[in-house]
Amino acid sequence: MNQATEILSVDLLDQHLSLVEALKSLAASLGLEFVLHYLLDLTWIISQLGEIKGKHILDAGAGTGLMQWHLAQNGAEVISVDRMSRADLPLRFRSRFQVQGLRSEDLLPASRVIGSNVAIHSQGKHISPVKKTLLRLRDVYYLVKRPSAPGRVIIYNQDLTNLEHIADNSMDAVVAVSALEHNTPEGLQAVVKEITRVLKPGGVLRATLGAGKDQDWWHEPSSGWCYTDASLRRLFDLPPDTPSNYARHDELLATLRNCPELRDNLAGFYKQSDQNGMPWGVWDPQYQPVGVCKIKSG
């Protein structure tokens, strides 16, 4: 395993077909959809993590996304960090996975979330009394169902620049799925510094961001920065000779734009508006994901 900046090739989806199918199955069972190129991001990160069982892994900018649930399903203890609060985490996640808050305020008791399905499905729409009853019964079922995943997810609602409740040198790995680019460049440097602090010596950070060919630029619809190879080396404090495949930028973007696997698994909500990263659900990516691998020195 070497440090690198690697624009992600869609060939990974064929090379790791069993992982791709497992991710799609888990997402469907949890009611999650794939945003933009995230299926490719997940595949790249997970395929290179190695053994997951028993590892302590920090999921940076996790939200309620799929990565943390896949890791827990495969036996990891996951610190799920996001500045967005997940205190009212839906019961469908708690029924499958062992979930707790790092602090008491990070996760409400499960009993306080009863009825959340009704609120989620309502969103200003009329729901019949029968459907409301069925949704509440589903919540009750989720509440009494025993988690079956061997790992654990620990919710930590905190900004990534200040992981004050996580000890130095305590994480085997840090993963970030298309999350870090939502910081300013200066903010990203602070995040990388803090993430590196909590990694064990020899621990690895694997993050995906947006790739910019000749200059850094801001992708307004997804509220994220796309970075050049030089910028990623600087922001992640990588050596000047870090391997990179940025020379293949145009070729790899063309194959991404012609990828039926990603096109056909695009989240349905994109079809509802032109104010998003894929207006009206038309598959036409304007940037591509790049993976960064950083190893903490001893």
Protein backbone atom coordinates (compact mmCIF):
# COMPACT_ATOMS: atom_id res chain seq x y z
CA MET A 1 0.00 0.00 0.00
CA ASN A 2 1.43 3.38 -1.04
CA GLN A 3 0.41 6.99 -0.66
CA ALA A 4 -1.20 8.22 -3.85
CA THR A 5 -3.69 10.48 -5.56
CA GLU A 6 -5.76 8.32 -7.89
CA ILE A 7 -8.60 9.37 -10.17
CA LEU A 8 -11.03 6.49 -9.83
CA SER A 9 -11.54 4.22 -12.81
CA VAL A 10 -14.97 2.69 -13.40
CA ASP A 11 -13.10 -0.58 -14.09
CA LEU A 12 -13.09 -0.98 -10.31
CA LEU A 13 -16.79 -1.81 -10.45
CA ASP A 14 -16.12 -4.88 -12.60
CA GLN A 15 -13.00 -5.84 -10.69
CA HIS A 16 -14.92 -5.91 -7.40
CA LEU A 17 -18.30 -7.10 -8.58
CA SER A 18 -19.18 -9.05 -5.42
CA LEU A 19 -18.48 -5.96 -3.28
CA VAL A 20 -20.58 -3.77 -5.60
CA GLU A 21 -23.51 -6.19 -5.36
CA ALA A 22 -23.17 -6.35 -1.57
CA LEU A 23 -23.23 -2.56 -1.33
CA LYS A 24 -26.29 -2.30 -3.56
CA SER A 25 -28.10 -4.95 -1.51
CA LEU A 26 -27.27 -3.28 1.81
CA ALA A 27 -28.34 0.13 0.48
CA ALA A 28 -31.67 -1.23 -0.71
CA SER A 29 -32.34 -2.90 2.64
CA LEU A 30 -31.69 0.38 4.48
CA GLY A 31 -33.64 2.61 2.10
CA LEU A 32 -30.50 4.44 0.93
CA GLU A 33 -29.69 5.59 -2.61
CA PHE A 34 -26.41 6.30 -4.36
CA VAL A 35 -25.51 9.94 -4.86
CA LEU A 36 -23.55 10.79 -8.01
CA HIS A 37 -20.45 8.54 -8.19
CA TYR A 38 -20.59 7.29 -4.57
CA LEU A 39 -20.84 3.61 -5.52
CA LEU A 40 -17.44 3.99 -7.16
CA ASP A 41 -16.04 5.89 -4.18
CA LEU A 42 -17.21 3.22 -1.75
CA THR A 43 -15.77 0.46 -3.89
CA TRP A 44 -12.33 2.11 -4.10
CA ILE A 45 -12.08 2.80 -0.37
CA ILE A 46 -13.38 -0.56 0.87
CA SER A 47 -11.48 -2.69 -1.64
CA GLN A 48 -8.21 -1.22 -0.37
CA LEU A 49 -8.90 -1.21 3.37
CA GLY A 50 -7.88 -4.83 3.89
CA GLU A 51 -9.16 -6.66 6.97
CA ILE A 52 -12.06 -4.77 8.56
CA LYS A 53 -13.13 -7.02 11.44
CA GLY A 54 -12.00 -5.74 14.82
CA LYS A 55 -10.58 -2.48 13.45
CA HIS A 56 -11.29 0.98 14.86
CA ILE A 57 -12.27 3.15 11.89
CA LEU A 58 -13.37 6.78 11.77
CA ASP A 59 -15.92 7.65 9.08
CA ALA A 60 -15.37 11.37 8.44
CA GLY A 61 -18.44 13.27 7.25
CA ALA A 62 -20.50 10.10 7.59
CA GLY A 63 -24.03 11.50 7.75
CA THR A 64 -26.29 8.46 7.61
CA GLY A 65 -24.37 7.13 4.60
CA LEU A 66 -23.67 3.55 3.64
CA MET A 67 -19.97 3.33 4.54
CA GLN A 68 -20.43 3.14 8.31
CA TRP A 69 -23.11 0.44 8.03
CA HIS A 70 -20.99 -1.69 5.70
CA LEU A 71 -18.03 -1.44 8.06
CA ALA A 72 -20.13 -2.37 11.11
CA GLN A 73 -21.73 -5.24 9.23
CA ASN A 74 -18.23 -6.58 8.67
CA GLY A 75 -17.17 -6.30 12.30
CA ALA A 76 -15.55 -2.88 12.65
CA GLU A 77 -16.05 -0.39 15.46
CA VAL A 78 -16.89 2.82 13.63
CA ILE A 79 -16.72 6.35 14.98
CA SER A 80 -19.28 8.13 12.78
CA VAL A 81 -18.45 11.84 12.70
CA ASP A 82 -20.50 14.59 11.10
CA ARG A 83 -21.23 18.18 12.04
CA MET A 84 -24.86 17.46 11.13
CA SER A 85 -26.69 16.03 14.14
CA ARG A 86 -27.86 12.42 13.91
CA ALA A 87 -29.31 12.44 17.43
CA ASP A 88 -32.68 11.33 16.05
CA LEU A 89 -31.16 8.54 13.94
CA PRO A 90 -34.04 6.53 12.41
CA LEU A 91 -34.90 3.20 13.98
CA ARG A 92 -34.32 1.26 10.78
CA PHE A 93 -30.58 1.73 11.35
CA ARG A 94 -30.71 0.98 15.08
CA SER A 95 -32.64 -2.24 14.49
CA ARG A 96 -29.85 -3.66 12.31
CA PHE A 97 -26.76 -2.27 14.00
CA GLN A 98 -25.40 -1.69 17.46
CA VAL A 99 -25.51 2.10 17.67
CA GLN A 100 -24.65 4.41 20.54
CA GLY A 101 -23.66 8.03 21.07
CA LEU A 102 -20.14 8.99 22.01
CA ARG A 103 -21.77 11.48 24.37
CA SER A 104 -25.31 11.43 25.72
CA GLU A 105 -26.33 14.30 23.43
CA ASP A 106 -25.09 12.52 20.31
CA LEU A 107 -27.97 10.02 20.17
CA LEU A 108 -31.49 10.21 21.57
CA PRO A 109 -32.92 7.07 23.18
CA ALA A 110 -34.64 4.87 20.61
CA SER A 111 -38.00 5.30 22.36
CA ARG A 112 -37.84 9.04 21.62
CA VAL A 113 -37.76 8.40 17.89
CA ILE A 114 -41.04 6.46 17.66
CA GLY A 115 -43.19 8.02 14.94
CA SER A 116 -40.21 9.18 12.89
CA ASN A 117 -41.43 7.15 9.92
CA VAL A 118 -44.67 9.13 9.92
CA ALA A 119 -42.78 12.43 9.84
CA ILE A 120 -40.44 11.24 7.08
CA HIS A 121 -43.27 10.02 4.86
CA SER A 122 -45.48 13.05 5.54
CA GLN A 123 -43.32 16.02 4.53
CA GLY A 124 -46.41 18.10 3.88
CA LYS A 125 -48.40 15.29 2.27
CA HIS A 126 -51.62 13.75 3.51
CA ILE A 127 -51.20 10.29 5.00
CA SER A 128 -54.20 8.11 5.72
CA PRO A 129 -54.82 6.96 9.30
CA VAL A 130 -54.22 3.35 8.20
CA LYS A 131 -50.79 4.19 6.77
CA LYS A 132 -49.90 6.20 9.87
CA THR A 133 -50.76 3.17 12.01
CA LEU A 134 -48.67 0.87 9.82
CA LEU A 135 -45.70 3.22 9.98
CA ARG A 136 -45.94 3.43 13.76
CA LEU A 137 -46.16 -0.37 13.97
CA ARG A 138 -43.03 -0.58 11.86
CA ASP A 139 -41.30 1.72 14.35
CA VAL A 140 -42.38 -0.54 17.21
CA TYR A 141 -40.98 -3.54 15.30
CA TYR A 142 -37.69 -1.71 14.77
CA LEU A 143 -37.63 -0.78 18.45
CA VAL A 144 -37.83 -4.36 19.72
CA LYS A 145 -35.73 -5.99 16.99
CA ARG A 146 -32.28 -7.03 18.18
CA PRO A 147 -29.30 -5.73 16.16
CA SER A 148 -27.54 -8.48 14.24
CA ALA A 149 -24.38 -6.83 12.87
CA PRO A 150 -21.20 -7.86 14.70
CA GLY A 151 -19.65 -4.38 14.65
CA ARG A 152 -20.72 -1.13 16.24
CA VAL A 153 -21.37 2.47 15.15
CA ILE A 154 -20.65 5.27 17.61
CA ILE A 155 -22.33 8.55 16.66
CA TYR A 156 -20.27 11.70 17.24
CA ASN A 157 -21.91 14.96 16.13
CA GLN A 158 -18.84 17.14 15.84
CA ASP A 159 -16.89 19.29 13.41
CA LEU A 160 -13.95 17.42 11.89
CA THR A 161 -11.54 20.22 12.83
CA ASN A 162 -12.03 19.48 16.53
CA LEU A 163 -12.28 15.78 17.44
CA GLU A 164 -11.62 16.57 21.08
CA HIS A 165 -13.20 13.36 22.41
CA ILE A 166 -11.04 11.07 20.30
CA ALA A 167 -7.57 10.23 21.62
CA ASP A 168 -4.31 10.66 19.74
CA ASN A 169 -3.11 7.60 17.80
CA SER A 170 -6.33 5.64 18.39
CA MET A 171 -7.77 4.91 14.94
CA ASP A 172 -6.59 2.12 12.63
CA ALA A 173 -8.01 3.94 9.61
CA VAL A 174 -10.00 7.01 8.58
CA VAL A 175 -12.36 6.96 5.60
CA ALA A 176 -14.22 9.83 3.95
CA VAL A 177 -16.68 9.40 1.08
CA SER A 178 -16.89 12.61 -0.96
CA ALA A 179 -17.22 14.70 2.20
CA LEU A 180 -14.00 16.62 2.75
CA GLU A 181 -14.36 18.77 -0.39
CA HIS A 182 -17.25 20.63 1.26
CA ASN A 183 -14.70 22.44 3.45
CA THR A 184 -12.81 25.50 2.28
CA PRO A 185 -9.24 24.69 1.20
CA GLU A 186 -7.98 26.20 4.46
CA GLY A 187 -10.60 24.25 6.40
CA LEU A 188 -9.57 21.05 4.64
CA GLN A 189 -5.98 21.49 5.82
CA ALA A 190 -7.24 21.80 9.40
CA VAL A 191 -9.38 18.68 8.97
CA VAL A 192 -6.46 16.67 7.59
CA LYS A 193 -4.28 17.75 10.51
CA GLU A 194 -6.92 16.66 13.05
CA ILE A 195 -7.62 13.37 11.28
CA THR A 196 -3.90 12.61 11.18
CA ARG A 197 -3.68 13.24 14.92
CA VAL A 198 -6.17 10.50 15.78
CA LEU A 199 -4.63 7.95 13.37
CA LYS A 200 -2.24 5.36 14.75
CA PRO A 201 1.29 5.45 13.31
CA GLY A 202 1.04 3.46 10.09
CA GLY A 203 -2.70 4.08 9.98
CA VAL A 204 -4.22 5.05 6.66
CA LEU A 205 -6.55 7.82 5.53
CA ARG A 206 -8.55 7.03 2.40
CA ALA A 207 -10.71 9.88 1.16
CA THR A 208 -12.49 10.66 -2.09
CA LEU A 209 -12.94 14.20 -3.38
CA GLY A 210 -13.60 15.91 -6.72
CA ALA A 211 -10.81 16.13 -9.29
CA GLY A 212 -9.94 19.37 -11.12
CA LYS A 213 -7.68 19.01 -14.15
CA ASP A 214 -5.78 22.31 -14.51
CA GLN A 215 -7.12 24.42 -11.66
CA ASP A 216 -9.13 24.13 -8.48
CA TRP A 217 -12.78 25.02 -9.00
CA TRP A 218 -16.02 25.12 -7.06
CA HIS A 219 -18.86 22.87 -8.25
CA GLU A 220 -21.88 24.90 -7.19
CA PRO A 221 -24.60 22.21 -7.50
CA SER A 222 -22.81 19.82 -5.13
CA SER A 223 -21.21 22.58 -3.00
CA GLY A 224 -17.78 21.05 -3.28
CA TRP A 225 -14.25 21.86 -4.45
CA CYS A 226 -12.57 19.99 -7.30
CA TYR A 227 -8.82 19.88 -6.75
CA THR A 228 -5.75 19.53 -8.94
CA ASP A 229 -3.10 16.96 -8.14
CA ALA A 230 -0.77 19.69 -6.86
CA SER A 231 -3.42 21.06 -4.51
CA LEU A 232 -4.20 17.62 -3.07
CA ARG A 233 -0.50 17.00 -2.38
CA ARG A 234 -0.32 20.33 -0.55
CA LEU A 235 -3.57 20.03 1.37
CA PHE A 236 -2.92 16.44 2.47
CA ASP A 237 0.79 17.07 3.10
CA LEU A 238 1.91 14.38 0.66
CA PRO A 239 5.48 14.09 -0.68
CA PRO A 240 6.19 15.70 -4.08
CA ASP A 241 6.89 12.28 -5.62
CA THR A 242 3.54 10.79 -4.55
CA PRO A 243 2.25 8.62 -7.44
CA SER A 244 -0.68 9.99 -9.42
CA ASN A 245 -2.69 9.16 -12.54
CA TYR A 246 -3.91 12.72 -13.24
CA ALA A 247 -2.38 12.41 -16.71
CA ARG A 248 -5.40 10.19 -17.53
CA HIS A 249 -7.92 12.83 -16.38
CA ASP A 250 -9.78 13.23 -19.69
CA GLU A 251 -9.78 9.52 -20.53
CA LEU A 252 -11.15 8.53 -17.13
CA LEU A 253 -13.81 11.26 -17.17
CA ALA A 254 -15.01 10.00 -20.55
CA THR A 255 -15.39 6.45 -19.22
CA LEU A 256 -17.23 7.76 -16.16
CA ARG A 257 -19.71 9.57 -18.38
CA ASN A 258 -20.36 6.32 -20.24
CA CYS A 259 -20.77 4.10 -17.18
CA PRO A 260 -24.21 2.40 -17.14
CA GLU A 261 -23.67 0.97 -13.62
CA LEU A 262 -23.46 4.44 -12.08
CA ARG A 263 -26.08 5.95 -14.40
CA ASP A 264 -28.65 3.25 -13.65
CA ASN A 265 -28.12 3.37 -9.88
CA LEU A 266 -28.37 7.16 -9.55
CA ALA A 267 -30.58 8.29 -6.67
CA GLY A 268 -34.17 8.95 -7.72
CA PHE A 269 -34.36 12.40 -6.10
CA TYR A 270 -32.22 13.86 -8.88
CA LYS A 271 -35.15 13.43 -11.27
CA GLN A 272 -37.27 15.84 -9.25
CA SER A 273 -35.32 19.06 -9.83
CA ASP A 274 -32.75 20.87 -11.91
CA GLN A 275 -31.21 22.37 -8.76
CA ASN A 276 -28.81 19.55 -8.01
CA GLY A 277 -25.61 17.91 -9.23
CA MET A 278 -27.43 15.93 -11.92
CA PRO A 279 -30.37 18.07 -13.15
CA TRP A 280 -33.56 16.10 -13.82
CA GLY A 281 -31.63 12.87 -13.30
CA VAL A 282 -29.80 13.08 -16.62
CA TRP A 283 -26.46 11.31 -16.17
CA ASP A 284 -23.88 13.91 -17.25
CA PRO A 285 -21.12 14.21 -14.61
CA GLN A 286 -19.17 17.46 -14.76
CA TYR A 287 -16.29 16.20 -12.60
CA GLN A 288 -14.95 12.86 -11.42
CA PRO A 289 -13.87 11.39 -8.08
CA VAL A 290 -10.25 11.20 -7.01
CA GLY A 291 -9.02 9.05 -4.15
CA VAL A 292 -6.31 10.18 -1.75
CA CYS A 293 -4.33 7.68 0.29
CA LYS A 294 -2.26 9.14 3.14
CA ILE A 295 -0.31 7.00 5.61
CA LYS A 296 0.67 8.39 9.01
CA SER A 297 4.38 8.06 9.56
CA GLY A 298 5.74 6.56 12.74
